[in-house]
């Protein structure tokens, strides 16, 4: 890297490392160690070459902005240009690889300063650096269960009060008979607040619980993975780790096979 700008090399490198890219991580292989050589399967190359110059025709006045005085005085993520290597041109022919946001300011320069660098993008995991983590927040809970008593139905004159104990749409009320029923499609929105049990008149009318084998996941993505992809991908990682532990356990059970040294590093 040739960098003659006022920003320190390590600061610029840190900013570059945090730029999100519009790349499906599933297509890229992960390096098994830091000593692995870069290939077209585990490394993407980006070029950043830019120089700041002065606009000659503009007069110097205090009212002019930097945009009026200089050319390329702001280095943005849009200046990163993908350089296809090996078979990458064919693999990514349907999509131009680039930062997801081209307006991220990386550095500011003045006339006579320039940046000329080659950047290598690799795949990583969150335990190495938070920037590799594809998930912002993730949580799960058991599916709520609402059972109306067939022997002690909700009195018709209390139907509206009963429905207000749950989020809107969970309890249906028949407009003629005022009989209440549970909207099974909306039950998952119930926070199981037990508000209905605060009213003595409803104690024997309803039973609240959770379905023990039905999980509701809430996952927010902050990377290139779609939220729907994150859970299956995490299951794949867990299965790989289980396979490593199984291999290690089998080696111990066999006993005396080889030198007894078992590699426990997860893939």
C-alpha atoms as a PDB file:
ATOM      1  CA  UNK A   1       0.000   0.000   0.000  1.00  0.00           C
ATOM      2  CA  UNK A   2       1.230   3.455  -0.898  1.00  0.00           C
ATOM      3  CA  UNK A   3      -0.474   6.011   1.317  1.00  0.00           C
ATOM      4  CA  UNK A   4       0.622   9.625   1.529  1.00  0.00           C
ATOM      5  CA  UNK A   5      -2.612  10.983   3.019  1.00  0.00           C
ATOM      6  CA  UNK A   6      -2.912  12.496   6.477  1.00  0.00           C
ATOM      7  CA  UNK A   7      -4.802   9.504   7.877  1.00  0.00           C
ATOM      8  CA  UNK A   8      -2.729   6.814   9.576  1.00  0.00           C
ATOM      9  CA  UNK A   9      -2.393   3.497   7.763  1.00  0.00           C
ATOM     10  CA  UNK A  10      -3.836   1.443  10.632  1.00  0.00           C
ATOM     11  CA  UNK A  11      -6.873   3.748  10.967  1.00  0.00           C
ATOM     12  CA  UNK A  12      -7.578   3.570   7.241  1.00  0.00           C
ATOM     13  CA  UNK A  13      -7.159  -0.215   7.284  1.00  0.00           C
ATOM     14  CA  UNK A  14      -9.591  -0.453  10.203  1.00  0.00           C
ATOM     15  CA  UNK A  15     -12.209   1.598   8.347  1.00  0.00           C
ATOM     16  CA  UNK A  16     -11.795  -0.487   5.220  1.00  0.00           C
ATOM     17  CA  UNK A  17     -12.245  -3.687   7.188  1.00  0.00           C
ATOM     18  CA  UNK A  18     -15.656  -2.504   8.442  1.00  0.00           C
ATOM     19  CA  UNK A  19     -17.099  -1.737   4.988  1.00  0.00           C
ATOM     20  CA  UNK A  20     -19.961  -4.209   4.300  1.00  0.00           C
ATOM     21  CA  UNK A  21     -19.887  -5.922   0.901  1.00  0.00           C
ATOM     22  CA  UNK A  22     -22.806  -7.249  -1.165  1.00  0.00           C
ATOM     23  CA  UNK A  23     -21.396 -10.773  -1.335  1.00  0.00           C
ATOM     24  CA  UNK A  24     -23.083 -14.048  -0.435  1.00  0.00           C
ATOM     25  CA  UNK A  25     -20.693 -15.598   2.135  1.00  0.00           C
ATOM     26  CA  UNK A  26     -21.849 -19.096   1.181  1.00  0.00           C
ATOM     27  CA  UNK A  27     -20.037 -18.726  -2.156  1.00  0.00           C
ATOM     28  CA  UNK A  28     -16.695 -17.912  -0.518  1.00  0.00           C
ATOM     29  CA  UNK A  29     -14.554 -20.522   1.209  1.00  0.00           C
ATOM     30  CA  UNK A  30     -12.941 -19.774   4.553  1.00  0.00           C
ATOM     31  CA  UNK A  31      -9.195 -19.907   5.070  1.00  0.00           C
ATOM     32  CA  UNK A  32      -8.273 -22.657   7.490  1.00  0.00           C
ATOM     33  CA  UNK A  33      -5.338 -20.649   8.861  1.00  0.00           C
ATOM     34  CA  UNK A  34      -3.748 -17.227   8.489  1.00  0.00           C
ATOM     35  CA  UNK A  35      -0.889 -18.782   6.525  1.00  0.00           C
ATOM     36  CA  UNK A  36      -3.134 -20.088   3.743  1.00  0.00           C
ATOM     37  CA  UNK A  37      -2.374 -18.591   0.356  1.00  0.00           C
ATOM     38  CA  UNK A  38      -5.100 -16.401  -1.205  1.00  0.00           C
ATOM     39  CA  UNK A  39      -6.990 -18.002  -4.086  1.00  0.00           C
ATOM     40  CA  UNK A  40      -9.978 -17.065  -6.201  1.00  0.00           C
ATOM     41  CA  UNK A  41     -12.091 -19.262  -3.903  1.00  0.00           C
ATOM     42  CA  UNK A  42     -11.225 -17.676  -0.549  1.00  0.00           C
ATOM     43  CA  UNK A  43     -10.189 -14.101  -1.366  1.00  0.00           C
ATOM     44  CA  UNK A  44     -11.742 -11.141  -3.173  1.00  0.00           C
ATOM     45  CA  UNK A  45      -9.481  -8.345  -4.371  1.00  0.00           C
ATOM     46  CA  UNK A  46     -10.492  -4.683  -4.442  1.00  0.00           C
ATOM     47  CA  UNK A  47      -8.447  -1.793  -5.788  1.00  0.00           C
ATOM     48  CA  UNK A  48      -8.487   1.714  -4.347  1.00  0.00           C
ATOM     49  CA  UNK A  49      -6.557   4.270  -6.347  1.00  0.00           C
ATOM     50  CA  UNK A  50      -7.446   7.932  -6.007  1.00  0.00           C
ATOM     51  CA  UNK A  51      -5.659  11.302  -5.925  1.00  0.00           C
ATOM     52  CA  UNK A  52      -6.873  14.704  -4.796  1.00  0.00           C
ATOM     53  CA  UNK A  53      -6.399  17.698  -7.115  1.00  0.00           C
ATOM     54  CA  UNK A  54      -7.418  21.346  -7.098  1.00  0.00           C
ATOM     55  CA  UNK A  55      -9.968  22.859  -9.427  1.00  0.00           C
ATOM     56  CA  UNK A  56      -7.897  25.395 -11.368  1.00  0.00           C
ATOM     57  CA  UNK A  57     -10.707  27.589 -12.646  1.00  0.00           C
ATOM     58  CA  UNK A  58     -12.217  28.303  -9.246  1.00  0.00           C
ATOM     59  CA  UNK A  59     -11.087  31.424  -7.401  1.00  0.00           C
ATOM     60  CA  UNK A  60     -10.258  31.195  -3.720  1.00  0.00           C
ATOM     61  CA  UNK A  61     -12.956  32.793  -1.617  1.00  0.00           C
ATOM     62  CA  UNK A  62     -14.253  32.072   1.869  1.00  0.00           C
ATOM     63  CA  UNK A  63     -17.693  31.187   0.507  1.00  0.00           C
ATOM     64  CA  UNK A  64     -16.526  28.217  -1.572  1.00  0.00           C
ATOM     65  CA  UNK A  65     -16.984  24.720  -0.179  1.00  0.00           C
ATOM     66  CA  UNK A  66     -14.477  21.904  -0.428  1.00  0.00           C
ATOM     67  CA  UNK A  67     -16.479  20.477  -3.318  1.00  0.00           C
ATOM     68  CA  UNK A  68     -15.949  23.766  -5.178  1.00  0.00           C
ATOM     69  CA  UNK A  69     -12.204  23.797  -4.537  1.00  0.00           C
ATOM     70  CA  UNK A  70     -11.073  20.170  -4.768  1.00  0.00           C
ATOM     71  CA  UNK A  71     -11.571  17.014  -6.817  1.00  0.00           C
ATOM     72  CA  UNK A  72     -11.692  13.707  -4.912  1.00  0.00           C
ATOM     73  CA  UNK A  73     -11.144  15.322  -1.531  1.00  0.00           C
ATOM     74  CA  UNK A  74     -13.355  12.656   0.071  1.00  0.00           C
ATOM     75  CA  UNK A  75     -12.456   8.990  -0.298  1.00  0.00           C
ATOM     76  CA  UNK A  76     -15.652   6.940  -0.165  1.00  0.00           C
ATOM     77  CA  UNK A  77     -16.460   3.249  -0.236  1.00  0.00           C
ATOM     78  CA  UNK A  78     -17.735   3.689  -3.804  1.00  0.00           C
ATOM     79  CA  UNK A  79     -14.100   4.191  -4.900  1.00  0.00           C
ATOM     80  CA  UNK A  80     -13.362   0.536  -4.103  1.00  0.00           C
ATOM     81  CA  UNK A  81     -13.272  -1.351  -7.396  1.00  0.00           C
ATOM     82  CA  UNK A  82     -13.539  -5.121  -7.572  1.00  0.00           C
ATOM     83  CA  UNK A  83     -10.753  -6.881  -9.468  1.00  0.00           C
ATOM     84  CA  UNK A  84     -11.960 -10.382 -10.522  1.00  0.00           C
ATOM     85  CA  UNK A  85      -9.407 -13.139  -9.993  1.00  0.00           C
ATOM     86  CA  UNK A  86      -9.346 -16.578 -11.621  1.00  0.00           C
ATOM     87  CA  UNK A  87     -12.884 -17.860 -12.184  1.00  0.00           C
ATOM     88  CA  UNK A  88     -14.546 -15.092 -10.161  1.00  0.00           C
ATOM     89  CA  UNK A  89     -15.602 -13.234 -13.289  1.00  0.00           C
ATOM     90  CA  UNK A  90     -17.759 -16.206 -14.334  1.00  0.00           C
ATOM     91  CA  UNK A  91     -18.982 -17.090 -10.826  1.00  0.00           C
ATOM     92  CA  UNK A  92     -20.150 -13.535 -10.107  1.00  0.00           C
ATOM     93  CA  UNK A  93     -21.117 -12.640 -13.677  1.00  0.00           C
ATOM     94  CA  UNK A  94     -24.690 -11.911 -12.560  1.00  0.00           C
ATOM     95  CA  UNK A  95     -23.647  -9.367  -9.931  1.00  0.00           C
ATOM     96  CA  UNK A  96     -21.061  -6.610  -9.623  1.00  0.00           C
ATOM     97  CA  UNK A  97     -19.354  -7.008  -6.267  1.00  0.00           C
ATOM     98  CA  UNK A  98     -19.158  -3.742  -4.344  1.00  0.00           C
ATOM     99  CA  UNK A  99     -19.841  -2.172  -0.931  1.00  0.00           C
ATOM    100  CA  UNK A 100     -23.507  -2.238   0.054  1.00  0.00           C
ATOM    101  CA  UNK A 101     -23.303   1.493   0.763  1.00  0.00           C
ATOM    102  CA  UNK A 102     -21.164   3.608  -1.519  1.00  0.00           C
ATOM    103  CA  UNK A 103     -21.364   6.751   0.633  1.00  0.00           C
ATOM    104  CA  UNK A 104     -19.184   5.602   3.547  1.00  0.00           C
ATOM    105  CA  UNK A 105     -16.388   8.154   4.001  1.00  0.00           C
ATOM    106  CA  UNK A 106     -13.046   6.400   4.454  1.00  0.00           C
ATOM    107  CA  UNK A 107     -10.632   9.347   4.431  1.00  0.00           C
ATOM    108  CA  UNK A 108     -10.310  13.024   3.489  1.00  0.00           C
ATOM    109  CA  UNK A 109      -7.472  14.390   1.388  1.00  0.00           C
ATOM    110  CA  UNK A 110      -6.068  17.623   0.063  1.00  0.00           C
ATOM    111  CA  UNK A 111      -4.250  18.387  -3.223  1.00  0.00           C
ATOM    112  CA  UNK A 112      -1.030  16.418  -3.525  1.00  0.00           C
ATOM    113  CA  UNK A 113      -2.270  13.524  -1.418  1.00  0.00           C
ATOM    114  CA  UNK A 114      -3.261  10.167  -2.848  1.00  0.00           C
ATOM    115  CA  UNK A 115      -4.120   6.612  -1.855  1.00  0.00           C
ATOM    116  CA  UNK A 116      -3.086   3.588  -3.883  1.00  0.00           C
ATOM    117  CA  UNK A 117      -3.851   0.239  -2.266  1.00  0.00           C
ATOM    118  CA  UNK A 118      -4.988  -3.310  -2.899  1.00  0.00           C
ATOM    119  CA  UNK A 119      -7.513  -4.750  -0.426  1.00  0.00           C
ATOM    120  CA  UNK A 120      -8.185  -8.449   0.191  1.00  0.00           C
ATOM    121  CA  UNK A 121     -11.622  -9.446   1.509  1.00  0.00           C
ATOM    122  CA  UNK A 122     -11.799 -12.798   3.302  1.00  0.00           C
ATOM    123  CA  UNK A 123     -14.449 -14.741   5.176  1.00  0.00           C
ATOM    124  CA  UNK A 124     -14.333 -14.877   8.969  1.00  0.00           C
ATOM    125  CA  UNK A 125     -16.301 -15.678  12.124  1.00  0.00           C
ATOM    126  CA  UNK A 126     -17.628 -13.481  14.902  1.00  0.00           C
ATOM    127  CA  UNK A 127     -15.263 -14.844  17.569  1.00  0.00           C
ATOM    128  CA  UNK A 128     -12.337 -13.389  15.572  1.00  0.00           C
ATOM    129  CA  UNK A 129     -13.958  -9.967  15.075  1.00  0.00           C
ATOM    130  CA  UNK A 130     -17.464  -8.580  15.552  1.00  0.00           C
ATOM    131  CA  UNK A 131     -17.490  -7.337  11.950  1.00  0.00           C
ATOM    132  CA  UNK A 132     -17.821 -10.958  10.781  1.00  0.00           C
ATOM    133  CA  UNK A 133     -20.925 -11.589  12.896  1.00  0.00           C
ATOM    134  CA  UNK A 134     -24.016 -11.643  10.634  1.00  0.00           C
ATOM    135  CA  UNK A 135     -26.497 -11.314  13.507  1.00  0.00           C
ATOM    136  CA  UNK A 136     -27.452  -8.158  15.395  1.00  0.00           C
ATOM    137  CA  UNK A 137     -29.810  -9.683  17.970  1.00  0.00           C
ATOM    138  CA  UNK A 138     -31.291 -13.170  18.186  1.00  0.00           C
ATOM    139  CA  UNK A 139     -33.820 -14.657  20.586  1.00  0.00           C
ATOM    140  CA  UNK A 140     -36.335 -17.459  20.767  1.00  0.00           C
ATOM    141  CA  UNK A 141     -39.372 -18.410  22.822  1.00  0.00           C
ATOM    142  CA  UNK A 142     -41.868 -21.227  23.001  1.00  0.00           C
ATOM    143  CA  UNK A 143     -45.108 -20.910  21.051  1.00  0.00           C
ATOM    144  CA  UNK A 144     -47.924 -19.655  23.346  1.00  0.00           C
ATOM    145  CA  UNK A 145     -50.884 -21.955  24.010  1.00  0.00           C
ATOM    146  CA  UNK A 146     -54.377 -20.700  24.885  1.00  0.00           C
ATOM    147  CA  UNK A 147     -56.989 -23.330  25.767  1.00  0.00           C
ATOM    148  CA  UNK A 148     -60.597 -22.300  26.385  1.00  0.00           C
ATOM    149  CA  UNK A 149     -62.494 -24.445  28.848  1.00  0.00           C
ATOM    150  CA  UNK A 150     -65.344 -26.384  27.160  1.00  0.00           C
ATOM    151  CA  UNK A 151     -67.199 -26.735  30.473  1.00  0.00           C
ATOM    152  CA  UNK A 152     -66.792 -23.131  31.673  1.00  0.00           C
ATOM    153  CA  UNK A 153     -67.208 -20.841  28.652  1.00  0.00           C
ATOM    154  CA  UNK A 154     -66.667 -17.118  28.923  1.00  0.00           C
ATOM    155  CA  UNK A 155     -69.985 -15.434  29.806  1.00  0.00           C
ATOM    156  CA  UNK A 156     -71.330 -13.497  26.785  1.00  0.00           C
ATOM    157  CA  UNK A 157     -71.563 -10.218  28.713  1.00  0.00           C
ATOM    158  CA  UNK A 158     -67.827 -10.515  29.588  1.00  0.00           C
ATOM    159  CA  UNK A 159     -66.634 -11.419  26.069  1.00  0.00           C
ATOM    160  CA  UNK A 160     -65.301  -7.934  25.268  1.00  0.00           C
ATOM    161  CA  UNK A 161     -63.474  -7.713  28.596  1.00  0.00           C
ATOM    162  CA  UNK A 162     -61.963 -11.154  28.013  1.00  0.00           C
ATOM    163  CA  UNK A 163     -60.736 -10.215  24.523  1.00  0.00           C
ATOM    164  CA  UNK A 164     -59.037  -7.068  25.842  1.00  0.00           C
ATOM    165  CA  UNK A 165     -56.820  -9.227  28.058  1.00  0.00           C
ATOM    166  CA  UNK A 166     -54.978 -10.365  24.899  1.00  0.00           C
ATOM    167  CA  UNK A 167     -53.404  -8.499  21.968  1.00  0.00           C
ATOM    168  CA  UNK A 168     -55.884  -7.475  19.300  1.00  0.00           C
ATOM    169  CA  UNK A 169     -56.877 -10.266  16.917  1.00  0.00           C
ATOM    170  CA  UNK A 170     -56.092 -13.236  19.148  1.00  0.00           C
ATOM    171  CA  UNK A 171     -59.620 -13.646  20.524  1.00  0.00           C
ATOM    172  CA  UNK A 172     -62.584 -13.764  18.142  1.00  0.00           C
ATOM    173  CA  UNK A 173     -66.092 -12.873  19.303  1.00  0.00           C
ATOM    174  CA  UNK A 174     -69.169 -14.113  17.491  1.00  0.00           C
ATOM    175  CA  UNK A 175     -71.274 -11.016  16.706  1.00  0.00           C
ATOM    176  CA  UNK A 176     -74.535 -12.869  17.387  1.00  0.00           C
ATOM    177  CA  UNK A 177     -73.914 -15.309  20.246  1.00  0.00           C
ATOM    178  CA  UNK A 178     -70.954 -13.435  21.782  1.00  0.00           C
ATOM    179  CA  UNK A 179     -69.131 -16.751  22.057  1.00  0.00           C
ATOM    180  CA  UNK A 180     -65.354 -16.411  22.155  1.00  0.00           C
ATOM    181  CA  UNK A 181     -62.810 -18.468  20.233  1.00  0.00           C
ATOM    182  CA  UNK A 182     -59.038 -18.427  19.715  1.00  0.00           C
ATOM    183  CA  UNK A 183     -57.571 -17.278  16.401  1.00  0.00           C
ATOM    184  CA  UNK A 184     -54.869 -19.926  15.990  1.00  0.00           C
ATOM    185  CA  UNK A 185     -53.038 -17.900  13.331  1.00  0.00           C
ATOM    186  CA  UNK A 186     -52.500 -14.990  15.736  1.00  0.00           C
ATOM    187  CA  UNK A 187     -51.693 -16.871  18.954  1.00  0.00           C
ATOM    188  CA  UNK A 188     -47.945 -16.534  18.372  1.00  0.00           C
ATOM    189  CA  UNK A 189     -48.266 -12.777  19.047  1.00  0.00           C
ATOM    190  CA  UNK A 190     -49.430 -13.392  22.610  1.00  0.00           C
ATOM    191  CA  UNK A 191     -46.698 -12.415  25.130  1.00  0.00           C
ATOM    192  CA  UNK A 192     -48.232 -14.763  27.754  1.00  0.00           C
ATOM    193  CA  UNK A 193     -48.625 -11.834  30.118  1.00  0.00           C
ATOM    194  CA  UNK A 194     -51.231 -13.739  32.198  1.00  0.00           C
ATOM    195  CA  UNK A 195     -53.317 -10.577  32.336  1.00  0.00           C
ATOM    196  CA  UNK A 196     -56.490 -12.637  31.969  1.00  0.00           C
ATOM    197  CA  UNK A 197     -55.727 -14.543  35.204  1.00  0.00           C
ATOM    198  CA  UNK A 198     -55.827 -11.325  37.199  1.00  0.00           C
ATOM    199  CA  UNK A 199     -59.613 -11.367  36.844  1.00  0.00           C
ATOM    200  CA  UNK A 200     -61.313 -13.935  39.132  1.00  0.00           C
ATOM    201  CA  UNK A 201     -64.251 -14.340  36.761  1.00  0.00           C
ATOM    202  CA  UNK A 202     -61.919 -15.839  34.113  1.00  0.00           C
ATOM    203  CA  UNK A 203     -59.948 -18.206  36.370  1.00  0.00           C
ATOM    204  CA  UNK A 204     -61.805 -21.339  35.214  1.00  0.00           C
ATOM    205  CA  UNK A 205     -62.460 -20.189  31.641  1.00  0.00           C
ATOM    206  CA  UNK A 206     -58.990 -20.379  30.150  1.00  0.00           C
ATOM    207  CA  UNK A 207     -55.698 -22.194  30.524  1.00  0.00           C
ATOM    208  CA  UNK A 208     -52.401 -20.604  29.461  1.00  0.00           C
ATOM    209  CA  UNK A 209     -49.295 -22.525  28.521  1.00  0.00           C
ATOM    210  CA  UNK A 210     -46.596 -23.072  25.902  1.00  0.00           C
ATOM    211  CA  UNK A 211     -46.012 -25.715  23.255  1.00  0.00           C
ATOM    212  CA  UNK A 212     -42.784 -27.379  24.409  1.00  0.00           C
ATOM    213  CA  UNK A 213     -41.554 -28.444  20.965  1.00  0.00           C
ATOM    214  CA  UNK A 214     -42.531 -25.349  18.956  1.00  0.00           C
ATOM    215  CA  UNK A 215     -39.941 -22.541  18.991  1.00  0.00           C
ATOM    216  CA  UNK A 216     -40.368 -19.011  17.657  1.00  0.00           C
ATOM    217  CA  UNK A 217     -37.090 -17.406  16.605  1.00  0.00           C
ATOM    218  CA  UNK A 218     -36.520 -13.680  16.201  1.00  0.00           C
ATOM    219  CA  UNK A 219     -33.316 -12.992  14.257  1.00  0.00           C
ATOM    220  CA  UNK A 220     -32.068  -9.655  12.935  1.00  0.00           C
ATOM    221  CA  UNK A 221     -29.467  -9.666  10.185  1.00  0.00           C
ATOM    222  CA  UNK A 222     -26.772  -7.024   9.908  1.00  0.00           C
ATOM    223  CA  UNK A 223     -24.818  -8.618   7.084  1.00  0.00           C
ATOM    224  CA  UNK A 224     -25.309 -10.064   3.607  1.00  0.00           C
ATOM    225  CA  UNK A 225     -27.276 -13.061   4.923  1.00  0.00           C
ATOM    226  CA  UNK A 226     -31.059 -12.816   4.755  1.00  0.00           C
ATOM    227  CA  UNK A 227     -32.652 -13.375   8.193  1.00  0.00           C
ATOM    228  CA  UNK A 228     -34.277 -16.567   6.888  1.00  0.00           C
ATOM    229  CA  UNK A 229     -30.830 -17.964   6.039  1.00  0.00           C
ATOM    230  CA  UNK A 230     -29.209 -17.337   9.403  1.00  0.00           C
ATOM    231  CA  UNK A 231     -30.826 -20.161  11.393  1.00  0.00           C
ATOM    232  CA  UNK A 232     -30.094 -22.910   8.794  1.00  0.00           C
ATOM    233  CA  UNK A 233     -26.521 -21.634   8.412  1.00  0.00           C
ATOM    234  CA  UNK A 234     -26.003 -21.641  12.180  1.00  0.00           C
ATOM    235  CA  UNK A 235     -27.316 -25.216  12.332  1.00  0.00           C
ATOM    236  CA  UNK A 236     -24.743 -26.221   9.708  1.00  0.00           C
ATOM    237  CA  UNK A 237     -21.961 -24.719  11.832  1.00  0.00           C
ATOM    238  CA  UNK A 238     -23.236 -26.537  14.917  1.00  0.00           C
ATOM    239  CA  UNK A 239     -23.387 -29.849  13.027  1.00  0.00           C
ATOM    240  CA  UNK A 240     -19.784 -29.351  11.852  1.00  0.00           C
ATOM    241  CA  UNK A 241     -18.666 -28.785  15.437  1.00  0.00           C
ATOM    242  CA  UNK A 242     -20.572 -31.865  16.583  1.00  0.00           C
ATOM    243  CA  UNK A 243     -18.828 -33.890  13.867  1.00  0.00           C
ATOM    244  CA  UNK A 244     -15.439 -32.740  15.174  1.00  0.00           C
ATOM    245  CA  UNK A 245     -16.382 -33.686  18.753  1.00  0.00           C
ATOM    246  CA  UNK A 246     -17.709 -37.051  17.569  1.00  0.00           C
ATOM    247  CA  UNK A 247     -14.473 -37.760  15.740  1.00  0.00           C
ATOM    248  CA  UNK A 248     -12.476 -36.854  18.853  1.00  0.00           C
ATOM    249  CA  UNK A 249     -14.685 -39.035  21.079  1.00  0.00           C
ATOM    250  CA  UNK A 250     -14.381 -42.007  18.724  1.00  0.00           C
ATOM    251  CA  UNK A 251     -10.592 -41.624  18.730  1.00  0.00           C
ATOM    252  CA  UNK A 252     -10.603 -41.776  22.530  1.00  0.00           C
ATOM    253  CA  UNK A 253     -12.910 -44.817  22.556  1.00  0.00           C
ATOM    254  CA  UNK A 254     -10.674 -46.676  20.118  1.00  0.00           C
ATOM    255  CA  UNK A 255      -7.767 -46.018  22.467  1.00  0.00           C
ATOM    256  CA  UNK A 256      -4.214 -46.669  21.391  1.00  0.00           C
ATOM    257  CA  UNK A 257      -4.956 -45.886  17.744  1.00  0.00           C
ATOM    258  CA  UNK A 258      -2.242 -43.685  16.329  1.00  0.00           C
ATOM    259  CA  UNK A 259      -0.412 -41.382  18.745  1.00  0.00           C
ATOM    260  CA  UNK A 260      -3.582 -40.426  20.639  1.00  0.00           C
ATOM    261  CA  UNK A 261      -3.319 -36.785  19.604  1.00  0.00           C
ATOM    262  CA  UNK A 262      -6.808 -35.469  18.720  1.00  0.00           C
ATOM    263  CA  UNK A 263      -7.363 -32.224  16.873  1.00  0.00           C
ATOM    264  CA  UNK A 264     -10.230 -30.332  18.544  1.00  0.00           C
ATOM    265  CA  UNK A 265     -10.238 -27.193  16.435  1.00  0.00           C
ATOM    266  CA  UNK A 266     -13.702 -26.551  14.969  1.00  0.00           C
ATOM    267  CA  UNK A 267     -13.906 -25.937  11.209  1.00  0.00           C
END
